[in-house]
Amino acid sequence: MGLVSGLLTLPLAPARGLVWVLEQVGEEADAQLHDPSRIRQELVEAEAALERGELDEAEYEMIEQDLLGRLRG
């Protein structure tokens, strides 16, 4: 980038910085959403909630299907 174009696009620097931050947040959220150990932990928590009576069988099955789908990718 040349000096003139750098000076002309300088007012856009905050917007580019914000876009970069949002991309990083999105990538981290996606990584956590598909993290196998996190998904397994959520499955264990759902099973425990089912045993405690906090979830009925239908709710548990929906959660289980969602989690297994995320685990498969």
PDB file of N, CA and C in Angstrom:
ATOM      1  N   MET A   1       0.861  -1.165   0.000  1.00  0.00           N
ATOM      2  CA  MET A   1       0.000   0.000   0.000  1.00  0.00           C
ATOM      3  C   MET A   1       0.906   1.227   0.000  1.00  0.00           C
ATOM      4  N   GLY A   2       0.636   2.110  -0.888  1.00  0.00           N
ATOM      5  CA  GLY A   2       1.445   3.308  -0.997  1.00  0.00           C
ATOM      6  C   GLY A   2       1.091   4.334   0.073  1.00  0.00           C
ATOM      7  N   LEU A   3       1.890   5.350   0.151  1.00  0.00           N
ATOM      8  CA  LEU A   3       1.692   6.391   1.148  1.00  0.00           C
ATOM      9  C   LEU A   3       0.367   7.112   0.946  1.00  0.00           C
ATOM     10  N   VAL A   4       0.053   7.464  -0.297  1.00  0.00           N
ATOM     11  CA  VAL A   4      -1.185   8.202  -0.572  1.00  0.00           C
ATOM     12  C   VAL A   4      -2.407   7.333  -0.278  1.00  0.00           C
ATOM     13  N   SER A   5      -2.394   6.093  -0.762  1.00  0.00           N
ATOM     14  CA  SER A   5      -3.554   5.235  -0.513  1.00  0.00           C
ATOM     15  C   SER A   5      -3.667   4.913   0.979  1.00  0.00           C
ATOM     16  N   GLY A   6      -2.545   4.791   1.657  1.00  0.00           N
ATOM     17  CA  GLY A   6      -2.567   4.567   3.105  1.00  0.00           C
ATOM     18  C   GLY A   6      -3.208   5.727   3.841  1.00  0.00           C
ATOM     19  N   LEU A   7      -2.869   6.941   3.427  1.00  0.00           N
ATOM     20  CA  LEU A   7      -3.463   8.123   4.058  1.00  0.00           C
ATOM     21  C   LEU A   7      -4.945   8.262   3.729  1.00  0.00           C
ATOM     22  N   LEU A   8      -5.308   7.922   2.492  1.00  0.00           N
ATOM     23  CA  LEU A   8      -6.712   8.043   2.096  1.00  0.00           C
ATOM     24  C   LEU A   8      -7.609   7.012   2.780  1.00  0.00           C
ATOM     25  N   THR A   9      -7.055   5.843   3.063  1.00  0.00           N
ATOM     26  CA  THR A   9      -7.870   4.802   3.704  1.00  0.00           C
ATOM     27  C   THR A   9      -7.717   4.785   5.225  1.00  0.00           C
ATOM     28  N   LEU A  10      -6.940   5.689   5.775  1.00  0.00           N
ATOM     29  CA  LEU A  10      -6.746   5.745   7.223  1.00  0.00           C
ATOM     30  C   LEU A  10      -8.053   5.888   7.996  1.00  0.00           C
ATOM     31  N   PRO A  11      -9.012   6.677   7.543  1.00  0.00           N
ATOM     32  CA  PRO A  11     -10.271   6.754   8.294  1.00  0.00           C
ATOM     33  C   PRO A  11     -11.020   5.416   8.371  1.00  0.00           C
ATOM     34  N   LEU A  12     -10.712   4.472   7.489  1.00  0.00           N
ATOM     35  CA  LEU A  12     -11.378   3.170   7.507  1.00  0.00           C
ATOM     36  C   LEU A  12     -10.714   2.181   8.457  1.00  0.00           C
ATOM     37  N   ALA A  13      -9.584   2.536   9.052  1.00  0.00           N
ATOM     38  CA  ALA A  13      -8.845   1.622   9.919  1.00  0.00           C
ATOM     39  C   ALA A  13      -9.699   1.094  11.080  1.00  0.00           C
ATOM     40  N   PRO A  14     -10.472   1.921  11.764  1.00  0.00           N
ATOM     41  CA  PRO A  14     -11.300   1.375  12.851  1.00  0.00           C
ATOM     42  C   PRO A  14     -12.307   0.335  12.355  1.00  0.00           C
ATOM     43  N   ALA A  15     -12.864   0.565  11.187  1.00  0.00           N
ATOM     44  CA  ALA A  15     -13.827  -0.400  10.645  1.00  0.00           C
ATOM     45  C   ALA A  15     -13.131  -1.711  10.302  1.00  0.00           C
ATOM     46  N   ARG A  16     -11.948  -1.641   9.728  1.00  0.00           N
ATOM     47  CA  ARG A  16     -11.194  -2.867   9.411  1.00  0.00           C
ATOM     48  C   ARG A  16     -10.830  -3.604  10.693  1.00  0.00           C
ATOM     49  N   GLY A  17     -10.477  -2.859  11.722  1.00  0.00           N
ATOM     50  CA  GLY A  17     -10.164  -3.475  13.017  1.00  0.00           C
ATOM     51  C   GLY A  17     -11.384  -4.171  13.609  1.00  0.00           C
ATOM     52  N   LEU A  18     -12.540  -3.547  13.508  1.00  0.00           N
ATOM     53  CA  LEU A  18     -13.769  -4.136  14.015  1.00  0.00           C
ATOM     54  C   LEU A  18     -14.118  -5.402  13.245  1.00  0.00           C
ATOM     55  N   VAL A  19     -13.957  -5.375  11.936  1.00  0.00           N
ATOM     56  CA  VAL A  19     -14.223  -6.561  11.116  1.00  0.00           C
ATOM     57  C   VAL A  19     -13.296  -7.697  11.537  1.00  0.00           C
ATOM     58  N   TRP A  20     -12.027  -7.410  11.773  1.00  0.00           N
ATOM     59  CA  TRP A  20     -11.075  -8.429  12.194  1.00  0.00           C
ATOM     60  C   TRP A  20     -11.485  -9.028  13.532  1.00  0.00           C
ATOM     61  N   VAL A  21     -11.867  -8.177  14.482  1.00  0.00           N
ATOM     62  CA  VAL A  21     -12.284  -8.660  15.803  1.00  0.00           C
ATOM     63  C   VAL A  21     -13.519  -9.549  15.667  1.00  0.00           C
ATOM     64  N   LEU A  22     -14.490  -9.143  14.878  1.00  0.00           N
ATOM     65  CA  LEU A  22     -15.693  -9.944  14.689  1.00  0.00           C
ATOM     66  C   LEU A  22     -15.370 -11.282  14.032  1.00  0.00           C
ATOM     67  N   GLU A  23     -14.449 -11.295  13.095  1.00  0.00           N
ATOM     68  CA  GLU A  23     -14.032 -12.558  12.475  1.00  0.00           C
ATOM     69  C   GLU A  23     -13.395 -13.484  13.499  1.00  0.00           C
ATOM     70  N   GLN A  24     -12.553 -12.925  14.367  1.00  0.00           N
ATOM     71  CA  GLN A  24     -11.900 -13.733  15.392  1.00  0.00           C
ATOM     72  C   GLN A  24     -12.924 -14.310  16.373  1.00  0.00           C
ATOM     73  N   VAL A  25     -13.889 -13.500  16.770  1.00  0.00           N
ATOM     74  CA  VAL A  25     -14.936 -13.962  17.685  1.00  0.00           C
ATOM     75  C   VAL A  25     -15.752 -15.072  17.017  1.00  0.00           C
ATOM     76  N   GLY A  26     -16.085 -14.911  15.771  1.00  0.00           N
ATOM     77  CA  GLY A  26     -16.833 -15.922  15.034  1.00  0.00           C
ATOM     78  C   GLY A  26     -16.076 -17.234  14.922  1.00  0.00           C
ATOM     79  N   GLU A  27     -14.789 -17.155  14.636  1.00  0.00           N
ATOM     80  CA  GLU A  27     -13.972 -18.361  14.536  1.00  0.00           C
ATOM     81  C   GLU A  27     -13.894 -19.088  15.876  1.00  0.00           C
ATOM     82  N   GLU A  28     -13.744 -18.342  16.958  1.00  0.00           N
ATOM     83  CA  GLU A  28     -13.677 -18.956  18.288  1.00  0.00           C
ATOM     84  C   GLU A  28     -15.010 -19.592  18.673  1.00  0.00           C
ATOM     85  N   ALA A  29     -16.101 -18.909  18.368  1.00  0.00           N
ATOM     86  CA  ALA A  29     -17.428 -19.465  18.664  1.00  0.00           C
ATOM     87  C   ALA A  29     -17.651 -20.755  17.880  1.00  0.00           C
ATOM     88  N   ASP A  30     -17.250 -20.771  16.634  1.00  0.00           N
ATOM     89  CA  ASP A  30     -17.394 -21.974  15.813  1.00  0.00           C
ATOM     90  C   ASP A  30     -16.531 -23.109  16.360  1.00  0.00           C
ATOM     91  N   ALA A  31     -15.328 -22.790  16.782  1.00  0.00           N
ATOM     92  CA  ALA A  31     -14.438 -23.813  17.339  1.00  0.00           C
ATOM     93  C   ALA A  31     -15.034 -24.409  18.609  1.00  0.00           C
ATOM     94  N   GLN A  32     -15.600 -23.576  19.469  1.00  0.00           N
ATOM     95  CA  GLN A  32     -16.203 -24.075  20.696  1.00  0.00           C
ATOM     96  C   GLN A  32     -17.466 -24.874  20.414  1.00  0.00           C
ATOM     97  N   LEU A  33     -18.233 -24.463  19.427  1.00  0.00           N
ATOM     98  CA  LEU A  33     -19.469 -25.152  19.077  1.00  0.00           C
ATOM     99  C   LEU A  33     -19.186 -26.571  18.612  1.00  0.00           C
ATOM    100  N   HIS A  34     -18.067 -26.794  17.956  1.00  0.00           N
ATOM    101  CA  HIS A  34     -17.743 -28.106  17.406  1.00  0.00           C
ATOM    102  C   HIS A  34     -16.626 -28.823  18.159  1.00  0.00           C
ATOM    103  N   ASP A  35     -16.288 -28.360  19.357  1.00  0.00           N
ATOM    104  CA  ASP A  35     -15.256 -28.989  20.172  1.00  0.00           C
ATOM    105  C   ASP A  35     -15.791 -30.302  20.750  1.00  0.00           C
ATOM    106  N   PRO A  36     -15.198 -31.448  20.380  1.00  0.00           N
ATOM    107  CA  PRO A  36     -15.717 -32.743  20.839  1.00  0.00           C
ATOM    108  C   PRO A  36     -15.800 -32.883  22.356  1.00  0.00           C
ATOM    109  N   SER A  37     -14.806 -32.402  23.084  1.00  0.00           N
ATOM    110  CA  SER A  37     -14.847 -32.537  24.545  1.00  0.00           C
ATOM    111  C   SER A  37     -15.976 -31.691  25.137  1.00  0.00           C
ATOM    112  N   ARG A  38     -16.219 -30.543  24.570  1.00  0.00           N
ATOM    113  CA  ARG A  38     -17.312 -29.684  25.048  1.00  0.00           C
ATOM    114  C   ARG A  38     -18.672 -30.327  24.748  1.00  0.00           C
ATOM    115  N   ILE A  39     -18.795 -30.930  23.568  1.00  0.00           N
ATOM    116  CA  ILE A  39     -20.044 -31.586  23.192  1.00  0.00           C
ATOM    117  C   ILE A  39     -20.302 -32.774  24.117  1.00  0.00           C
ATOM    118  N   ARG A  40     -19.270 -33.556  24.403  1.00  0.00           N
ATOM    119  CA  ARG A  40     -19.433 -34.698  25.318  1.00  0.00           C
ATOM    120  C   ARG A  40     -19.861 -34.225  26.706  1.00  0.00           C
ATOM    121  N   GLN A  41     -19.283 -33.126  27.163  1.00  0.00           N
ATOM    122  CA  GLN A  41     -19.650 -32.587  28.474  1.00  0.00           C
ATOM    123  C   GLN A  41     -21.119 -32.154  28.492  1.00  0.00           C
ATOM    124  N   GLU A  42     -21.574 -31.524  27.419  1.00  0.00           N
ATOM    125  CA  GLU A  42     -22.975 -31.119  27.330  1.00  0.00           C
ATOM    126  C   GLU A  42     -23.892 -32.334  27.327  1.00  0.00           C
ATOM    127  N   LEU A  43     -23.459 -33.415  26.700  1.00  0.00           N
ATOM    128  CA  LEU A  43     -24.242 -34.651  26.677  1.00  0.00           C
ATOM    129  C   LEU A  43     -24.334 -35.244  28.078  1.00  0.00           C
ATOM    130  N   VAL A  44     -23.226 -35.244  28.808  1.00  0.00           N
ATOM    131  CA  VAL A  44     -23.224 -35.729  30.196  1.00  0.00           C
ATOM    132  C   VAL A  44     -24.167 -34.881  31.048  1.00  0.00           C
ATOM    133  N   GLU A  45     -24.129 -33.570  30.857  1.00  0.00           N
ATOM    134  CA  GLU A  45     -25.010 -32.680  31.623  1.00  0.00           C
ATOM    135  C   GLU A  45     -26.477 -32.928  31.282  1.00  0.00           C
ATOM    136  N   ALA A  46     -26.775 -33.192  30.020  1.00  0.00           N
ATOM    137  CA  ALA A  46     -28.152 -33.481  29.623  1.00  0.00           C
ATOM    138  C   ALA A  46     -28.623 -34.796  30.239  1.00  0.00           C
ATOM    139  N   GLU A  47     -27.748 -35.802  30.264  1.00  0.00           N
ATOM    140  CA  GLU A  47     -28.100 -37.075  30.883  1.00  0.00           C
ATOM    141  C   GLU A  47     -28.390 -36.895  32.373  1.00  0.00           C
ATOM    142  N   ALA A  48     -27.564 -36.092  33.030  1.00  0.00           N
ATOM    143  CA  ALA A  48     -27.772 -35.836  34.455  1.00  0.00           C
ATOM    144  C   ALA A  48     -29.096 -35.104  34.686  1.00  0.00           C
ATOM    145  N   ALA A  49     -29.412 -34.159  33.826  1.00  0.00           N
ATOM    146  CA  ALA A  49     -30.680 -33.435  33.956  1.00  0.00           C
ATOM    147  C   ALA A  49     -31.862 -34.376  33.735  1.00  0.00           C
ATOM    148  N   LEU A  50     -31.722 -35.327  32.834  1.00  0.00           N
ATOM    149  CA  LEU A  50     -32.771 -36.328  32.607  1.00  0.00           C
ATOM    150  C   LEU A  50     -32.964 -37.175  33.858  1.00  0.00           C
ATOM    151  N   GLU A  51     -31.863 -37.608  34.459  1.00  0.00           N
ATOM    152  CA  GLU A  51     -31.942 -38.420  35.673  1.00  0.00           C
ATOM    153  C   GLU A  51     -32.544 -37.649  36.845  1.00  0.00           C
ATOM    154  N   ARG A  52     -32.287 -36.346  36.906  1.00  0.00           N
ATOM    155  CA  ARG A  52     -32.848 -35.523  37.984  1.00  0.00           C
ATOM    156  C   ARG A  52     -34.306 -35.158  37.724  1.00  0.00           C
ATOM    157  N   GLY A  53     -34.799 -35.473  36.554  1.00  0.00           N
ATOM    158  CA  GLY A  53     -36.187 -35.160  36.211  1.00  0.00           C
ATOM    159  C   GLY A  53     -36.387 -33.753  35.681  1.00  0.00           C
ATOM    160  N   GLU A  54     -35.296 -33.061  35.369  1.00  0.00           N
ATOM    161  CA  GLU A  54     -35.388 -31.704  34.838  1.00  0.00           C
ATOM    162  C   GLU A  54     -35.762 -31.699  33.360  1.00  0.00           C
ATOM    163  N   LEU A  55     -35.511 -32.824  32.679  1.00  0.00           N
ATOM    164  CA  LEU A  55     -35.860 -32.990  31.270  1.00  0.00           C
ATOM    165  C   LEU A  55     -36.720 -34.238  31.132  1.00  0.00           C
ATOM    166  N   ASP A  56     -37.678 -34.194  30.216  1.00  0.00           N
ATOM    167  CA  ASP A  56     -38.384 -35.436  29.912  1.00  0.00           C
ATOM    168  C   ASP A  56     -37.648 -36.137  28.771  1.00  0.00           C
ATOM    169  N   GLU A  57     -38.065 -37.329  28.455  1.00  0.00           N
ATOM    170  CA  GLU A  57     -37.375 -38.148  27.456  1.00  0.00           C
ATOM    171  C   GLU A  57     -37.325 -37.471  26.080  1.00  0.00           C
ATOM    172  N   ALA A  58     -38.414 -36.828  25.686  1.00  0.00           N
ATOM    173  CA  ALA A  58     -38.458 -36.172  24.370  1.00  0.00           C
ATOM    174  C   ALA A  58     -37.465 -35.010  24.298  1.00  0.00           C
ATOM    175  N   GLU A  59     -37.409 -34.205  25.365  1.00  0.00           N
ATOM    176  CA  GLU A  59     -36.458 -33.084  25.381  1.00  0.00           C
ATOM    177  C   GLU A  59     -35.025 -33.601  25.325  1.00  0.00           C
ATOM    178  N   TYR A  60     -34.775 -34.660  26.111  1.00  0.00           N
ATOM    179  CA  TYR A  60     -33.423 -35.229  26.122  1.00  0.00           C
ATOM    180  C   TYR A  60     -33.036 -35.741  24.735  1.00  0.00           C
ATOM    181  N   GLU A  61     -33.947 -36.425  24.069  1.00  0.00           N
ATOM    182  CA  GLU A  61     -33.647 -36.962  22.740  1.00  0.00           C
ATOM    183  C   GLU A  61     -33.361 -35.859  21.732  1.00  0.00           C
ATOM    184  N   MET A  62     -34.087 -34.741  21.830  1.00  0.00           N
ATOM    185  CA  MET A  62     -33.813 -33.610  20.927  1.00  0.00           C
ATOM    186  C   MET A  62     -32.414 -33.054  21.181  1.00  0.00           C
ATOM    187  N   ILE A  63     -32.070 -32.883  22.449  1.00  0.00           N
ATOM    188  CA  ILE A  63     -30.743 -32.369  22.801  1.00  0.00           C
ATOM    189  C   ILE A  63     -29.670 -33.350  22.344  1.00  0.00           C
ATOM    190  N   GLU A  64     -29.902 -34.624  22.589  1.00  0.00           N
ATOM    191  CA  GLU A  64     -28.937 -35.645  22.209  1.00  0.00           C
ATOM    192  C   GLU A  64     -28.711 -35.651  20.694  1.00  0.00           C
ATOM    193  N   GLN A  65     -29.775 -35.578  19.908  1.00  0.00           N
ATOM    194  CA  GLN A  65     -29.642 -35.571  18.455  1.00  0.00           C
ATOM    195  C   GLN A  65     -28.867 -34.348  17.973  1.00  0.00           C
ATOM    196  N   ASP A  66     -29.154 -33.195  18.580  1.00  0.00           N
ATOM    197  CA  ASP A  66     -28.429 -31.975  18.217  1.00  0.00           C
ATOM    198  C   ASP A  66     -26.941 -32.116  18.519  1.00  0.00           C
ATOM    199  N   LEU A  67     -26.627 -32.615  19.720  1.00  0.00           N
ATOM    200  CA  LEU A  67     -25.234 -32.751  20.118  1.00  0.00           C
ATOM    201  C   LEU A  67     -24.495 -33.782  19.258  1.00  0.00           C
ATOM    202  N   LEU A  68     -25.144 -34.906  18.972  1.00  0.00           N
ATOM    203  CA  LEU A  68     -24.501 -35.913  18.140  1.00  0.00           C
ATOM    204  C   LEU A  68     -24.301 -35.403  16.711  1.00  0.00           C
ATOM    205  N   GLY A  69     -25.241 -34.610  16.224  1.00  0.00           N
ATOM    206  CA  GLY A  69     -25.085 -33.996  14.911  1.00  0.00           C
ATOM    207  C   GLY A  69     -23.900 -33.046  14.867  1.00  0.00           C
ATOM    208  N   ARG A  70     -23.731 -32.256  15.927  1.00  0.00           N
ATOM    209  CA  ARG A  70     -22.577 -31.358  16.005  1.00  0.00           C
ATOM    210  C   ARG A  70     -21.272 -32.142  16.107  1.00  0.00           C
ATOM    211  N   LEU A  71     -21.325 -33.271  16.802  1.00  0.00           N
ATOM    212  CA  LEU A  71     -20.121 -34.087  16.966  1.00  0.00           C
ATOM    213  C   LEU A  71     -19.691 -34.696  15.637  1.00  0.00           C
ATOM    214  N   ARG A  72     -20.661 -35.090  14.826  1.00  0.00           N
ATOM    215  CA  ARG A  72     -20.342 -35.667  13.513  1.00  0.00           C
ATOM    216  C   ARG A  72     -19.834 -34.615  12.535  1.00  0.00           C
ATOM    217  N   GLY A  73     -20.193 -33.375  12.805  1.00  0.00           N
ATOM    218  CA  GLY A  73     -19.685 -32.291  11.972  1.00  0.00           C
ATOM    219  C   GLY A  73     -20.627 -31.865  10.961  1.00  0.00           C
TER     220      GLY A  73
END
